[in-house]
mmCIF file of all heavy atoms, coordinates in Angstrom:
data_MODEL
# 
_entry.id   MODEL 
# 
loop_
_atom_site.group_PDB 
_atom_site.id 
_atom_site.type_symbol 
_atom_site.label_atom_id 
_atom_site.label_alt_id 
_atom_site.label_comp_id 
_atom_site.label_asym_id 
_atom_site.label_entity_id 
_atom_site.label_seq_id 
_atom_site.pdbx_PDB_ins_code 
_atom_site.Cartn_x 
_atom_site.Cartn_y 
_atom_site.Cartn_z 
_atom_site.occupancy 
_atom_site.B_iso_or_equiv 
_atom_site.pdbx_formal_charge 
_atom_site.auth_seq_id 
_atom_site.auth_comp_id 
_atom_site.auth_asym_id 
_atom_site.auth_atom_id 
_atom_site.pdbx_PDB_model_num 
ATOM 1   N N   . VAL A 1 1  ? 151.463 -23.229 33.187 1.00 0.00 ? 1  VAL A N   1 
ATOM 2   C CA  . VAL A 1 1  ? 152.943 -22.863 32.960 1.00 0.00 ? 1  VAL A CA  1 
ATOM 3   C C   . VAL A 1 1  ? 153.793 -24.119 32.635 1.00 0.00 ? 1  VAL A C   1 
ATOM 4   O O   . VAL A 1 1  ? 154.530 -24.205 31.787 1.00 0.00 ? 1  VAL A O   1 
ATOM 5   C CB  . VAL A 1 1  ? 153.534 -22.215 34.219 1.00 0.00 ? 1  VAL A CB  1 
ATOM 6   C CG1 . VAL A 1 1  ? 154.961 -22.087 34.088 1.00 0.00 ? 1  VAL A CG1 1 
ATOM 7   C CG2 . VAL A 1 1  ? 152.924 -20.771 34.296 1.00 0.00 ? 1  VAL A CG2 1 
ATOM 8   N N   . PHE A 1 2  ? 153.444 -25.280 33.450 1.00 0.00 ? 2  PHE A N   1 
ATOM 9   C CA  . PHE A 1 2  ? 154.201 -26.479 33.303 1.00 0.00 ? 2  PHE A CA  1 
ATOM 10  C C   . PHE A 1 2  ? 154.098 -27.008 31.846 1.00 0.00 ? 2  PHE A C   1 
ATOM 11  O O   . PHE A 1 2  ? 155.010 -27.441 31.176 1.00 0.00 ? 2  PHE A O   1 
ATOM 12  C CB  . PHE A 1 2  ? 153.785 -27.485 34.373 1.00 0.00 ? 2  PHE A CB  1 
ATOM 13  C CG  . PHE A 1 2  ? 154.632 -28.737 34.403 1.00 0.00 ? 2  PHE A CG  1 
ATOM 14  C CD1 . PHE A 1 2  ? 156.004 -28.635 34.895 1.00 0.00 ? 2  PHE A CD1 1 
ATOM 15  C CD2 . PHE A 1 2  ? 154.185 -29.893 33.985 1.00 0.00 ? 2  PHE A CD2 1 
ATOM 16  C CE1 . PHE A 1 2  ? 156.740 -29.764 34.831 1.00 0.00 ? 2  PHE A CE1 1 
ATOM 17  C CE2 . PHE A 1 2  ? 154.901 -31.025 34.151 1.00 0.00 ? 2  PHE A CE2 1 
ATOM 18  C CZ  . PHE A 1 2  ? 156.169 -30.961 34.475 1.00 0.00 ? 2  PHE A CZ  1 
ATOM 19  N N   . VAL A 1 3  ? 152.700 -27.211 31.450 1.00 0.00 ? 3  VAL A N   1 
ATOM 20  C CA  . VAL A 1 3  ? 152.407 -27.729 30.161 1.00 0.00 ? 3  VAL A CA  1 
ATOM 21  C C   . VAL A 1 3  ? 152.901 -26.913 29.103 1.00 0.00 ? 3  VAL A C   1 
ATOM 22  O O   . VAL A 1 3  ? 153.548 -27.347 28.070 1.00 0.00 ? 3  VAL A O   1 
ATOM 23  C CB  . VAL A 1 3  ? 150.893 -28.147 30.001 1.00 0.00 ? 3  VAL A CB  1 
ATOM 24  C CG1 . VAL A 1 3  ? 150.495 -28.457 28.670 1.00 0.00 ? 3  VAL A CG1 1 
ATOM 25  C CG2 . VAL A 1 3  ? 150.395 -29.112 31.141 1.00 0.00 ? 3  VAL A CG2 1 
ATOM 26  N N   . VAL A 1 4  ? 152.638 -25.666 29.089 1.00 0.00 ? 4  VAL A N   1 
ATOM 27  C CA  . VAL A 1 4  ? 153.037 -24.597 28.000 1.00 0.00 ? 4  VAL A CA  1 
ATOM 28  C C   . VAL A 1 4  ? 154.511 -24.586 27.936 1.00 0.00 ? 4  VAL A C   1 
ATOM 29  O O   . VAL A 1 4  ? 155.024 -24.341 26.794 1.00 0.00 ? 4  VAL A O   1 
ATOM 30  C CB  . VAL A 1 4  ? 152.298 -23.334 28.136 1.00 0.00 ? 4  VAL A CB  1 
ATOM 31  C CG1 . VAL A 1 4  ? 152.775 -22.349 27.062 1.00 0.00 ? 4  VAL A CG1 1 
ATOM 32  C CG2 . VAL A 1 4  ? 150.800 -23.525 28.041 1.00 0.00 ? 4  VAL A CG2 1 
ATOM 33  N N   . SER A 1 5  ? 155.118 -24.648 29.002 1.00 0.00 ? 5  SER A N   1 
ATOM 34  C CA  . SER A 1 5  ? 156.691 -24.581 28.954 1.00 0.00 ? 5  SER A CA  1 
ATOM 35  C C   . SER A 1 5  ? 157.157 -25.815 28.120 1.00 0.00 ? 5  SER A C   1 
ATOM 36  O O   . SER A 1 5  ? 158.266 -25.632 27.435 1.00 0.00 ? 5  SER A O   1 
ATOM 37  C CB  . SER A 1 5  ? 157.161 -24.635 30.369 1.00 0.00 ? 5  SER A CB  1 
ATOM 38  O OG  . SER A 1 5  ? 156.945 -23.472 31.118 1.00 0.00 ? 5  SER A OG  1 
ATOM 39  N N   . ARG A 1 6  ? 156.685 -26.995 28.353 1.00 0.00 ? 6  ARG A N   1 
ATOM 40  C CA  . ARG A 1 6  ? 157.133 -28.144 27.517 1.00 0.00 ? 6  ARG A CA  1 
ATOM 41  C C   . ARG A 1 6  ? 156.631 -27.973 26.141 1.00 0.00 ? 6  ARG A C   1 
ATOM 42  O O   . ARG A 1 6  ? 157.522 -28.418 25.294 1.00 0.00 ? 6  ARG A O   1 
ATOM 43  C CB  . ARG A 1 6  ? 156.458 -29.411 28.127 1.00 0.00 ? 6  ARG A CB  1 
ATOM 44  C CG  . ARG A 1 6  ? 157.028 -29.802 29.495 1.00 0.00 ? 6  ARG A CG  1 
ATOM 45  C CD  . ARG A 1 6  ? 158.545 -30.224 29.481 1.00 0.00 ? 6  ARG A CD  1 
ATOM 46  N NE  . ARG A 1 6  ? 158.795 -31.510 28.947 1.00 0.00 ? 6  ARG A NE  1 
ATOM 47  C CZ  . ARG A 1 6  ? 158.892 -32.573 29.786 1.00 0.00 ? 6  ARG A CZ  1 
ATOM 48  N NH1 . ARG A 1 6  ? 158.772 -32.426 31.116 1.00 0.00 ? 6  ARG A NH1 1 
ATOM 49  N NH2 . ARG A 1 6  ? 159.198 -33.717 29.223 1.00 0.00 ? 6  ARG A NH2 1 
ATOM 50  N N   . ILE A 1 7  ? 155.618 -27.376 25.758 1.00 0.00 ? 7  ILE A N   1 
ATOM 51  C CA  . ILE A 1 7  ? 155.175 -27.151 24.395 1.00 0.00 ? 7  ILE A CA  1 
ATOM 52  C C   . ILE A 1 7  ? 156.131 -26.225 23.763 1.00 0.00 ? 7  ILE A C   1 
ATOM 53  O O   . ILE A 1 7  ? 156.676 -26.330 22.597 1.00 0.00 ? 7  ILE A O   1 
ATOM 54  C CB  . ILE A 1 7  ? 153.717 -26.576 24.385 1.00 0.00 ? 7  ILE A CB  1 
ATOM 55  C CG1 . ILE A 1 7  ? 152.671 -27.771 24.752 1.00 0.00 ? 7  ILE A CG1 1 
ATOM 56  C CG2 . ILE A 1 7  ? 153.343 -26.277 22.929 1.00 0.00 ? 7  ILE A CG2 1 
ATOM 57  C CD1 . ILE A 1 7  ? 151.305 -27.311 24.894 1.00 0.00 ? 7  ILE A CD1 1 
ATOM 58  N N   . LYS A 1 8  ? 156.406 -25.095 24.450 1.00 0.00 ? 8  LYS A N   1 
ATOM 59  C CA  . LYS A 1 8  ? 157.316 -24.169 23.826 1.00 0.00 ? 8  LYS A CA  1 
ATOM 60  C C   . LYS A 1 8  ? 158.754 -24.615 23.712 1.00 0.00 ? 8  LYS A C   1 
ATOM 61  O O   . LYS A 1 8  ? 159.486 -24.288 22.825 1.00 0.00 ? 8  LYS A O   1 
ATOM 62  C CB  . LYS A 1 8  ? 157.294 -22.870 24.683 1.00 0.00 ? 8  LYS A CB  1 
ATOM 63  C CG  . LYS A 1 8  ? 158.140 -21.644 24.291 1.00 0.00 ? 8  LYS A CG  1 
ATOM 64  C CD  . LYS A 1 8  ? 157.964 -20.348 25.094 1.00 0.00 ? 8  LYS A CD  1 
ATOM 65  C CE  . LYS A 1 8  ? 158.525 -19.096 24.346 1.00 0.00 ? 8  LYS A CE  1 
ATOM 66  N NZ  . LYS A 1 8  ? 160.066 -19.318 24.136 1.00 0.00 ? 8  LYS A NZ  1 
ATOM 67  N N   . GLU A 1 9  ? 159.058 -25.435 24.655 1.00 0.00 ? 9  GLU A N   1 
ATOM 68  C CA  . GLU A 1 9  ? 160.390 -26.060 24.705 1.00 0.00 ? 9  GLU A CA  1 
ATOM 69  C C   . GLU A 1 9  ? 160.617 -27.027 23.379 1.00 0.00 ? 9  GLU A C   1 
ATOM 70  O O   . GLU A 1 9  ? 161.691 -26.864 22.721 1.00 0.00 ? 9  GLU A O   1 
ATOM 71  C CB  . GLU A 1 9  ? 160.677 -26.914 25.898 1.00 0.00 ? 9  GLU A CB  1 
ATOM 72  C CG  . GLU A 1 9  ? 162.004 -27.516 26.067 1.00 0.00 ? 9  GLU A CG  1 
ATOM 73  C CD  . GLU A 1 9  ? 162.077 -28.506 27.229 1.00 0.00 ? 9  GLU A CD  1 
ATOM 74  O OE1 . GLU A 1 9  ? 161.432 -28.137 28.288 1.00 0.00 ? 9  GLU A OE1 1 
ATOM 75  O OE2 . GLU A 1 9  ? 162.728 -29.642 27.158 1.00 0.00 ? 9  GLU A OE2 1 
ATOM 76  N N   . ALA A 1 10 ? 159.566 -27.694 23.024 1.00 0.00 ? 10 ALA A N   1 
ATOM 77  C CA  . ALA A 1 10 ? 159.671 -28.566 21.908 1.00 0.00 ? 10 ALA A CA  1 
ATOM 78  C C   . ALA A 1 10 ? 159.527 -27.711 20.691 1.00 0.00 ? 10 ALA A C   1 
ATOM 79  O O   . ALA A 1 10 ? 160.307 -28.000 19.618 1.00 0.00 ? 10 ALA A O   1 
ATOM 80  C CB  . ALA A 1 10 ? 158.487 -29.551 21.872 1.00 0.00 ? 10 ALA A CB  1 
ATOM 81  N N   . HIS A 1 11 ? 158.712 -26.624 20.648 1.00 0.00 ? 11 HIS A N   1 
ATOM 82  C CA  . HIS A 1 11 ? 158.597 -25.749 19.511 1.00 0.00 ? 11 HIS A CA  1 
ATOM 83  C C   . HIS A 1 11 ? 159.947 -25.008 19.302 1.00 0.00 ? 11 HIS A C   1 
ATOM 84  O O   . HIS A 1 11 ? 160.420 -24.868 18.036 1.00 0.00 ? 11 HIS A O   1 
ATOM 85  C CB  . HIS A 1 11 ? 157.461 -24.769 19.648 1.00 0.00 ? 11 HIS A CB  1 
ATOM 86  C CG  . HIS A 1 11 ? 157.261 -23.864 18.434 1.00 0.00 ? 11 HIS A CG  1 
ATOM 87  N ND1 . HIS A 1 11 ? 157.898 -22.546 18.382 1.00 0.00 ? 11 HIS A ND1 1 
ATOM 88  C CD2 . HIS A 1 11 ? 156.487 -23.983 17.452 1.00 0.00 ? 11 HIS A CD2 1 
ATOM 89  C CE1 . HIS A 1 11 ? 157.612 -21.980 17.327 1.00 0.00 ? 11 HIS A CE1 1 
ATOM 90  N NE2 . HIS A 1 11 ? 156.635 -22.828 16.722 1.00 0.00 ? 11 HIS A NE2 1 
ATOM 91  N N   . ASP A 1 12 ? 160.689 -24.542 20.240 1.00 0.00 ? 12 ASP A N   1 
ATOM 92  C CA  . ASP A 1 12 ? 161.894 -23.923 20.098 1.00 0.00 ? 12 ASP A CA  1 
ATOM 93  C C   . ASP A 1 12 ? 162.985 -24.819 19.581 1.00 0.00 ? 12 ASP A C   1 
ATOM 94  O O   . ASP A 1 12 ? 164.011 -24.401 18.956 1.00 0.00 ? 12 ASP A O   1 
ATOM 95  C CB  . ASP A 1 12 ? 162.378 -23.302 21.459 1.00 0.00 ? 12 ASP A CB  1 
ATOM 96  C CG  . ASP A 1 12 ? 161.525 -22.206 22.019 1.00 0.00 ? 12 ASP A CG  1 
ATOM 97  O OD1 . ASP A 1 12 ? 160.791 -21.569 21.091 1.00 0.00 ? 12 ASP A OD1 1 
ATOM 98  O OD2 . ASP A 1 12 ? 161.598 -21.873 23.129 1.00 0.00 ? 12 ASP A OD2 1 
ATOM 99  N N   . ARG A 1 13 ? 162.809 -26.148 19.734 1.00 0.00 ? 13 ARG A N   1 
ATOM 100 C CA  . ARG A 1 13 ? 163.751 -27.107 19.240 1.00 0.00 ? 13 ARG A CA  1 
ATOM 101 C C   . ARG A 1 13 ? 163.578 -27.551 17.814 1.00 0.00 ? 13 ARG A C   1 
ATOM 102 O O   . ARG A 1 13 ? 164.292 -28.236 17.137 1.00 0.00 ? 13 ARG A O   1 
ATOM 103 C CB  . ARG A 1 13 ? 163.857 -28.386 20.093 1.00 0.00 ? 13 ARG A CB  1 
ATOM 104 C CG  . ARG A 1 13 ? 164.383 -28.060 21.471 1.00 0.00 ? 13 ARG A CG  1 
ATOM 105 C CD  . ARG A 1 13 ? 164.345 -29.361 22.252 1.00 0.00 ? 13 ARG A CD  1 
ATOM 106 N NE  . ARG A 1 13 ? 164.869 -29.209 23.516 1.00 0.00 ? 13 ARG A NE  1 
ATOM 107 C CZ  . ARG A 1 13 ? 164.927 -30.130 24.503 1.00 0.00 ? 13 ARG A CZ  1 
ATOM 108 N NH1 . ARG A 1 13 ? 164.728 -31.380 24.107 1.00 0.00 ? 13 ARG A NH1 1 
ATOM 109 N NH2 . ARG A 1 13 ? 165.356 -29.937 25.706 1.00 0.00 ? 13 ARG A NH2 1 
ATOM 110 N N   . GLY A 1 14 ? 162.404 -26.886 17.202 1.00 0.00 ? 14 GLY A N   1 
ATOM 111 C CA  . GLY A 1 14 ? 162.195 -27.214 15.837 1.00 0.00 ? 14 GLY A CA  1 
ATOM 112 C C   . GLY A 1 14 ? 160.945 -27.901 15.505 1.00 0.00 ? 14 GLY A C   1 
ATOM 113 O O   . GLY A 1 14 ? 160.661 -27.989 14.265 1.00 0.00 ? 14 GLY A O   1 
ATOM 114 N N   . LEU A 1 15 ? 160.112 -28.266 16.362 1.00 0.00 ? 15 LEU A N   1 
ATOM 115 C CA  . LEU A 1 15 ? 158.933 -28.989 16.177 1.00 0.00 ? 15 LEU A CA  1 
ATOM 116 C C   . LEU A 1 15 ? 157.816 -28.013 15.585 1.00 0.00 ? 15 LEU A C   1 
ATOM 117 O O   . LEU A 1 15 ? 157.789 -26.808 16.195 1.00 0.00 ? 15 LEU A O   1 
ATOM 118 C CB  . LEU A 1 15 ? 158.225 -29.657 17.203 1.00 0.00 ? 15 LEU A CB  1 
ATOM 119 C CG  . LEU A 1 15 ? 158.925 -31.102 17.700 1.00 0.00 ? 15 LEU A CG  1 
ATOM 120 C CD1 . LEU A 1 15 ? 158.211 -31.630 18.934 1.00 0.00 ? 15 LEU A CD1 1 
ATOM 121 C CD2 . LEU A 1 15 ? 158.846 -32.132 16.527 1.00 0.00 ? 15 LEU A CD2 1 
ATOM 122 N N   . GLU A 1 16 ? 157.062 -28.239 14.639 1.00 0.00 ? 16 GLU A N   1 
ATOM 123 C CA  . GLU A 1 16 ? 155.913 -27.407 14.239 1.00 0.00 ? 16 GLU A CA  1 
ATOM 124 C C   . GLU A 1 16 ? 155.036 -27.503 15.354 1.00 0.00 ? 16 GLU A C   1 
ATOM 125 O O   . GLU A 1 16 ? 154.895 -28.380 16.245 1.00 0.00 ? 16 GLU A O   1 
ATOM 126 C CB  . GLU A 1 16 ? 155.387 -27.870 12.851 1.00 0.00 ? 16 GLU A CB  1 
ATOM 127 C CG  . GLU A 1 16 ? 154.865 -29.179 12.757 1.00 0.00 ? 16 GLU A CG  1 
ATOM 128 C CD  . GLU A 1 16 ? 153.421 -29.319 12.999 1.00 0.00 ? 16 GLU A CD  1 
ATOM 129 O OE1 . GLU A 1 16 ? 152.695 -28.316 13.116 1.00 0.00 ? 16 GLU A OE1 1 
ATOM 130 O OE2 . GLU A 1 16 ? 152.954 -30.503 13.251 1.00 0.00 ? 16 GLU A OE2 1 
ATOM 131 N N   . THR A 1 17 ? 153.973 -26.520 15.367 1.00 0.00 ? 17 THR A N   1 
ATOM 132 C CA  . THR A 1 17 ? 153.225 -26.217 16.545 1.00 0.00 ? 17 THR A CA  1 
ATOM 133 C C   . THR A 1 17 ? 152.359 -27.435 16.954 1.00 0.00 ? 17 THR A C   1 
ATOM 134 O O   . THR A 1 17 ? 152.317 -27.777 18.192 1.00 0.00 ? 17 THR A O   1 
ATOM 135 C CB  . THR A 1 17 ? 152.321 -24.967 16.418 1.00 0.00 ? 17 THR A CB  1 
ATOM 136 O OG1 . THR A 1 17 ? 153.141 -23.877 16.172 1.00 0.00 ? 17 THR A OG1 1 
ATOM 137 C CG2 . THR A 1 17 ? 151.316 -24.733 17.522 1.00 0.00 ? 17 THR A CG2 1 
ATOM 138 N N   . ARG A 1 18 ? 151.648 -28.067 15.936 1.00 0.00 ? 18 ARG A N   1 
ATOM 139 C CA  . ARG A 1 18 ? 150.763 -29.181 16.404 1.00 0.00 ? 18 ARG A CA  1 
ATOM 140 C C   . ARG A 1 18 ? 151.565 -30.334 17.027 1.00 0.00 ? 18 ARG A C   1 
ATOM 141 O O   . ARG A 1 18 ? 151.121 -30.936 17.915 1.00 0.00 ? 18 ARG A O   1 
ATOM 142 C CB  . ARG A 1 18 ? 149.957 -29.622 15.233 1.00 0.00 ? 18 ARG A CB  1 
ATOM 143 C CG  . ARG A 1 18 ? 148.956 -30.659 15.504 1.00 0.00 ? 18 ARG A CG  1 
ATOM 144 C CD  . ARG A 1 18 ? 147.743 -30.859 14.443 1.00 0.00 ? 18 ARG A CD  1 
ATOM 145 N NE  . ARG A 1 18 ? 147.017 -29.593 14.348 1.00 0.00 ? 18 ARG A NE  1 
ATOM 146 C CZ  . ARG A 1 18 ? 145.822 -29.544 13.728 1.00 0.00 ? 18 ARG A CZ  1 
ATOM 147 N NH1 . ARG A 1 18 ? 145.425 -30.653 13.148 1.00 0.00 ? 18 ARG A NH1 1 
ATOM 148 N NH2 . ARG A 1 18 ? 145.264 -28.369 13.533 1.00 0.00 ? 18 ARG A NH2 1 
ATOM 149 N N   . ALA A 1 19 ? 152.729 -30.505 16.386 1.00 0.00 ? 19 ALA A N   1 
ATOM 150 C CA  . ALA A 1 19 ? 153.645 -31.559 16.944 1.00 0.00 ? 19 ALA A CA  1 
ATOM 151 C C   . ALA A 1 19 ? 154.085 -31.291 18.302 1.00 0.00 ? 19 ALA A C   1 
ATOM 152 O O   . ALA A 1 19 ? 154.123 -32.146 19.187 1.00 0.00 ? 19 ALA A O   1 
ATOM 153 C CB  . ALA A 1 19 ? 154.660 -31.888 15.990 1.00 0.00 ? 19 ALA A CB  1 
ATOM 154 N N   . ALA A 1 20 ? 154.435 -29.976 18.541 1.00 0.00 ? 20 ALA A N   1 
ATOM 155 C CA  . ALA A 1 20 ? 154.896 -29.544 19.818 1.00 0.00 ? 20 ALA A CA  1 
ATOM 156 C C   . ALA A 1 20 ? 153.819 -29.605 20.833 1.00 0.00 ? 20 ALA A C   1 
ATOM 157 O O   . ALA A 1 20 ? 154.103 -30.130 22.051 1.00 0.00 ? 20 ALA A O   1 
ATOM 158 C CB  . ALA A 1 20 ? 155.351 -28.143 19.668 1.00 0.00 ? 20 ALA A CB  1 
ATOM 159 N N   . ILE A 1 21 ? 152.566 -29.329 20.419 1.00 0.00 ? 21 ILE A N   1 
ATOM 160 C CA  . ILE A 1 21 ? 151.453 -29.479 21.351 1.00 0.00 ? 21 ILE A CA  1 
ATOM 161 C C   . ILE A 1 21 ? 151.201 -30.900 21.842 1.00 0.00 ? 21 ILE A C   1 
ATOM 162 O O   . ILE A 1 21 ? 151.105 -31.240 22.970 1.00 0.00 ? 21 ILE A O   1 
ATOM 163 C CB  . ILE A 1 21 ? 150.172 -29.040 20.773 1.00 0.00 ? 21 ILE A CB  1 
ATOM 164 C CG1 . ILE A 1 21 ? 150.225 -27.505 20.388 1.00 0.00 ? 21 ILE A CG1 1 
ATOM 165 C CG2 . ILE A 1 21 ? 148.915 -29.327 21.642 1.00 0.00 ? 21 ILE A CG2 1 
ATOM 166 C CD1 . ILE A 1 21 ? 149.114 -26.901 19.558 1.00 0.00 ? 21 ILE A CD1 1 
ATOM 167 N N   . SER A 1 22 ? 151.313 -31.909 20.844 1.00 0.00 ? 22 SER A N   1 
ATOM 168 C CA  . SER A 1 22 ? 151.108 -33.250 21.120 1.00 0.00 ? 22 SER A CA  1 
ATOM 169 C C   . SER A 1 22 ? 152.172 -33.720 22.007 1.00 0.00 ? 22 SER A C   1 
ATOM 170 O O   . SER A 1 22 ? 151.949 -34.439 23.005 1.00 0.00 ? 22 SER A O   1 
ATOM 171 C CB  . SER A 1 22 ? 151.208 -34.100 19.834 1.00 0.00 ? 22 SER A CB  1 
ATOM 172 O OG  . SER A 1 22 ? 151.189 -35.401 20.007 1.00 0.00 ? 22 SER A OG  1 
ATOM 173 N N   . TYR A 1 23 ? 153.410 -33.458 21.693 1.00 0.00 ? 23 TYR A N   1 
ATOM 174 C CA  . TYR A 1 23 ? 154.544 -33.805 22.627 1.00 0.00 ? 23 TYR A CA  1 
ATOM 175 C C   . TYR A 1 23 ? 154.475 -33.156 24.029 1.00 0.00 ? 23 TYR A C   1 
ATOM 176 O O   . TYR A 1 23 ? 154.708 -33.821 24.978 1.00 0.00 ? 23 TYR A O   1 
ATOM 177 C CB  . TYR A 1 23 ? 155.889 -33.341 21.936 1.00 0.00 ? 23 TYR A CB  1 
ATOM 178 C CG  . TYR A 1 23 ? 157.059 -33.363 22.878 1.00 0.00 ? 23 TYR A CG  1 
ATOM 179 C CD1 . TYR A 1 23 ? 157.578 -34.619 23.298 1.00 0.00 ? 23 TYR A CD1 1 
ATOM 180 C CD2 . TYR A 1 23 ? 157.619 -32.192 23.586 1.00 0.00 ? 23 TYR A CD2 1 
ATOM 181 C CE1 . TYR A 1 23 ? 158.661 -34.537 24.311 1.00 0.00 ? 23 TYR A CE1 1 
ATOM 182 C CE2 . TYR A 1 23 ? 158.601 -32.288 24.369 1.00 0.00 ? 23 TYR A CE2 1 
ATOM 183 C CZ  . TYR A 1 23 ? 159.185 -33.468 24.798 1.00 0.00 ? 23 TYR A CZ  1 
ATOM 184 O OH  . TYR A 1 23 ? 160.170 -33.400 25.672 1.00 0.00 ? 23 TYR A OH  1 
ATOM 185 N N   . GLY A 1 24 ? 154.116 -31.965 24.068 1.00 0.00 ? 24 GLY A N   1 
ATOM 186 C CA  . GLY A 1 24 ? 154.060 -31.215 25.307 1.00 0.00 ? 24 GLY A CA  1 
ATOM 187 C C   . GLY A 1 24 ? 153.016 -31.777 26.281 1.00 0.00 ? 24 GLY A C   1 
ATOM 188 O O   . GLY A 1 24 ? 153.171 -32.052 27.391 1.00 0.00 ? 24 GLY A O   1 
ATOM 189 N N   . ILE A 1 25 ? 151.845 -32.026 25.709 1.00 0.00 ? 25 ILE A N   1 
ATOM 190 C CA  . ILE A 1 25 ? 150.678 -32.671 26.454 1.00 0.00 ? 25 ILE A CA  1 
ATOM 191 C C   . ILE A 1 25 ? 151.019 -34.046 26.980 1.00 0.00 ? 25 ILE A C   1 
ATOM 192 O O   . ILE A 1 25 ? 150.808 -34.353 28.064 1.00 0.00 ? 25 ILE A O   1 
ATOM 193 C CB  . ILE A 1 25 ? 149.337 -32.620 25.662 1.00 0.00 ? 25 ILE A CB  1 
ATOM 194 C CG1 . ILE A 1 25 ? 149.009 -31.148 25.329 1.00 0.00 ? 25 ILE A CG1 1 
ATOM 195 C CG2 . ILE A 1 25 ? 148.282 -33.370 26.354 1.00 0.00 ? 25 ILE A CG2 1 
ATOM 196 C CD1 . ILE A 1 25 ? 148.470 -30.387 26.401 1.00 0.00 ? 25 ILE A CD1 1 
# 
């Protein structure tokens, strides 16, 4: 939940998925 929440947070702000994954992790 903690990691995916950060990934989704970045994705919702406009990052494409792979960049959001990198940022979230």
